[in-house]
C-alpha atoms as a PDB file:
ATOM      1  CA  MET A   1       3.960  28.817  10.184  1.00  0.00           C
ATOM      2  CA  SER A   2       2.222  26.481  12.637  1.00  0.00           C
ATOM      3  CA  GLU A   3       5.262  26.580  14.956  1.00  0.00           C
ATOM      4  CA  LEU A   4       5.139  30.386  15.006  1.00  0.00           C
ATOM      5  CA  ILE A   5       1.423  30.325  15.815  1.00  0.00           C
ATOM      6  CA  PHE A   6       1.936  27.723  18.555  1.00  0.00           C
ATOM      7  CA  GLU A   7       4.746  29.804  20.084  1.00  0.00           C
ATOM      8  CA  LYS A   8       2.558  32.913  20.060  1.00  0.00           C
ATOM      9  CA  ILE A   9      -0.291  31.009  21.747  1.00  0.00           C
ATOM     10  CA  ALA A  10       2.076  29.665  24.402  1.00  0.00           C
ATOM     11  CA  THR A  11       3.505  33.139  25.020  1.00  0.00           C
ATOM     12  CA  ILE A  12       0.057  34.728  25.379  1.00  0.00           C
ATOM     13  CA  LEU A  13      -1.125  31.991  27.753  1.00  0.00           C
ATOM     14  CA  SER A  14       2.048  32.282  29.775  1.00  0.00           C
ATOM     15  CA  THR A  15       2.007  36.068  30.101  1.00  0.00           C
ATOM     16  CA  LYS A  16      -1.728  36.723  30.387  1.00  0.00           C
ATOM     17  CA  LYS A  17      -2.909  33.608  32.244  1.00  0.00           C
ATOM     18  CA  GLY A  18       0.239  32.663  34.170  1.00  0.00           C
ATOM     19  CA  ILE A  19       0.389  29.168  32.678  1.00  0.00           C
ATOM     20  CA  ASP A  20       3.833  27.573  32.675  1.00  0.00           C
ATOM     21  CA  LYS A  21       4.969  27.644  29.046  1.00  0.00           C
ATOM     22  CA  GLU A  22       6.532  24.183  29.358  1.00  0.00           C
ATOM     23  CA  SER A  23       3.150  22.679  30.270  1.00  0.00           C
ATOM     24  CA  ILE A  24       1.472  23.982  27.098  1.00  0.00           C
ATOM     25  CA  LEU A  25       1.411  21.268  24.456  1.00  0.00           C
ATOM     26  CA  ILE A  26      -0.045  21.341  20.952  1.00  0.00           C
ATOM     27  CA  GLU A  27      -2.504  18.619  21.973  1.00  0.00           C
ATOM     28  CA  SER A  28      -3.623  20.431  25.153  1.00  0.00           C
ATOM     29  CA  SER A  29      -7.278  21.322  25.407  1.00  0.00           C
ATOM     30  CA  PHE A  30      -8.264  24.654  26.872  1.00  0.00           C
ATOM     31  CA  GLU A  31      -9.884  22.702  29.691  1.00  0.00           C
ATOM     32  CA  ASP A  32      -6.586  20.866  30.378  1.00  0.00           C
ATOM     33  CA  LEU A  33      -4.952  24.272  30.810  1.00  0.00           C
ATOM     34  CA  GLY A  34      -7.652  25.493  33.205  1.00  0.00           C
ATOM     35  CA  LEU A  35      -9.232  27.907  30.748  1.00  0.00           C
ATOM     36  CA  ASP A  36     -12.945  28.575  30.764  1.00  0.00           C
ATOM     37  CA  SER A  37     -14.981  29.685  27.748  1.00  0.00           C
ATOM     38  CA  LEU A  38     -14.323  33.384  28.415  1.00  0.00           C
ATOM     39  CA  ASP A  39     -10.564  32.726  28.608  1.00  0.00           C
ATOM     40  CA  ALA A  40     -10.758  30.901  25.271  1.00  0.00           C
ATOM     41  CA  VAL A  41     -12.621  33.794  23.631  1.00  0.00           C
ATOM     42  CA  GLU A  42     -10.062  36.272  24.985  1.00  0.00           C
ATOM     43  CA  LEU A  43      -7.200  34.113  23.700  1.00  0.00           C
ATOM     44  CA  ILE A  44      -8.660  33.873  20.219  1.00  0.00           C
ATOM     45  CA  SER A  45      -9.330  37.628  20.209  1.00  0.00           C
ATOM     46  CA  ASP A  46      -5.703  38.291  21.179  1.00  0.00           C
ATOM     47  CA  LEU A  47      -4.522  35.971  18.406  1.00  0.00           C
ATOM     48  CA  GLU A  48      -6.785  37.603  15.828  1.00  0.00           C
ATOM     49  CA  ASP A  49      -5.276  40.966  16.799  1.00  0.00           C
ATOM     50  CA  GLU A  50      -1.731  39.582  16.732  1.00  0.00           C
ATOM     51  CA  PHE A  51      -2.086  38.078  13.257  1.00  0.00           C
ATOM     52  CA  ASN A  52      -4.529  40.726  11.930  1.00  0.00           C
ATOM     53  CA  VAL A  53      -7.151  38.156  10.908  1.00  0.00           C
ATOM     54  CA  THR A  54     -10.726  37.276  11.786  1.00  0.00           C
ATOM     55  CA  ILE A  55     -11.914  33.768  12.509  1.00  0.00           C
ATOM     56  CA  PRO A  56     -15.620  33.315  11.658  1.00  0.00           C
ATOM     57  CA  ASN A  57     -17.893  32.904  14.686  1.00  0.00           C
ATOM     58  CA  MET A  58     -19.037  29.449  13.544  1.00  0.00           C
ATOM     59  CA  GLU A  59     -15.428  28.251  13.610  1.00  0.00           C
ATOM     60  CA  LEU A  60     -14.709  29.934  16.946  1.00  0.00           C
ATOM     61  CA  GLN A  61     -17.281  27.762  18.670  1.00  0.00           C
ATOM     62  CA  SER A  62     -15.463  24.590  17.646  1.00  0.00           C
ATOM     63  CA  ILE A  63     -11.998  25.650  18.876  1.00  0.00           C
ATOM     64  CA  LYS A  64     -11.369  23.723  22.082  1.00  0.00           C
ATOM     65  CA  THR A  65      -7.671  22.779  21.794  1.00  0.00           C
ATOM     66  CA  ILE A  66      -4.372  24.450  21.002  1.00  0.00           C
ATOM     67  CA  GLN A  67      -4.168  22.414  17.768  1.00  0.00           C
ATOM     68  CA  GLN A  68      -7.600  23.636  16.679  1.00  0.00           C
ATOM     69  CA  ALA A  69      -6.563  27.234  17.425  1.00  0.00           C
ATOM     70  CA  VAL A  70      -3.409  26.800  15.342  1.00  0.00           C
ATOM     71  CA  ASP A  71      -5.411  25.246  12.486  1.00  0.00           C
ATOM     72  CA  GLY A  72      -8.047  27.997  12.613  1.00  0.00           C
ATOM     73  CA  LEU A  73      -5.429  30.723  12.522  1.00  0.00           C
ATOM     74  CA  GLN A  74      -3.553  29.064   9.668  1.00  0.00           C
ATOM     75  CA  LYS A  75      -6.792  28.880   7.698  1.00  0.00           C
ATOM     76  CA  ALA A  76      -7.581  32.534   8.443  1.00  0.00           C
ATOM     77  CA  ILE A  77      -4.070  33.605   7.446  1.00  0.00           C
ATOM     78  CA  GLY A  78      -4.336  31.546   4.292  1.00  0.00           C
ATOM     79  CA  SER A  79      -1.184  29.492   4.673  1.00  0.00           C
END
């Protein structure tokens, strides 16, 4: 499941933010990818819509990397 989530994140970042998909790594931070806090919130919102889940606000504040986003989504999905 984590590979599917990572692929979806990479696709969203590529299509909506114009980031080269090959440069998006699981260990990348949002800062590494040139995303500001608003971009990060928009990304997480898009992912919540895509996977039909909600990540609690307290957890959202700690998501700063692609890995953390994958982990947060996996937890929300329950897998």
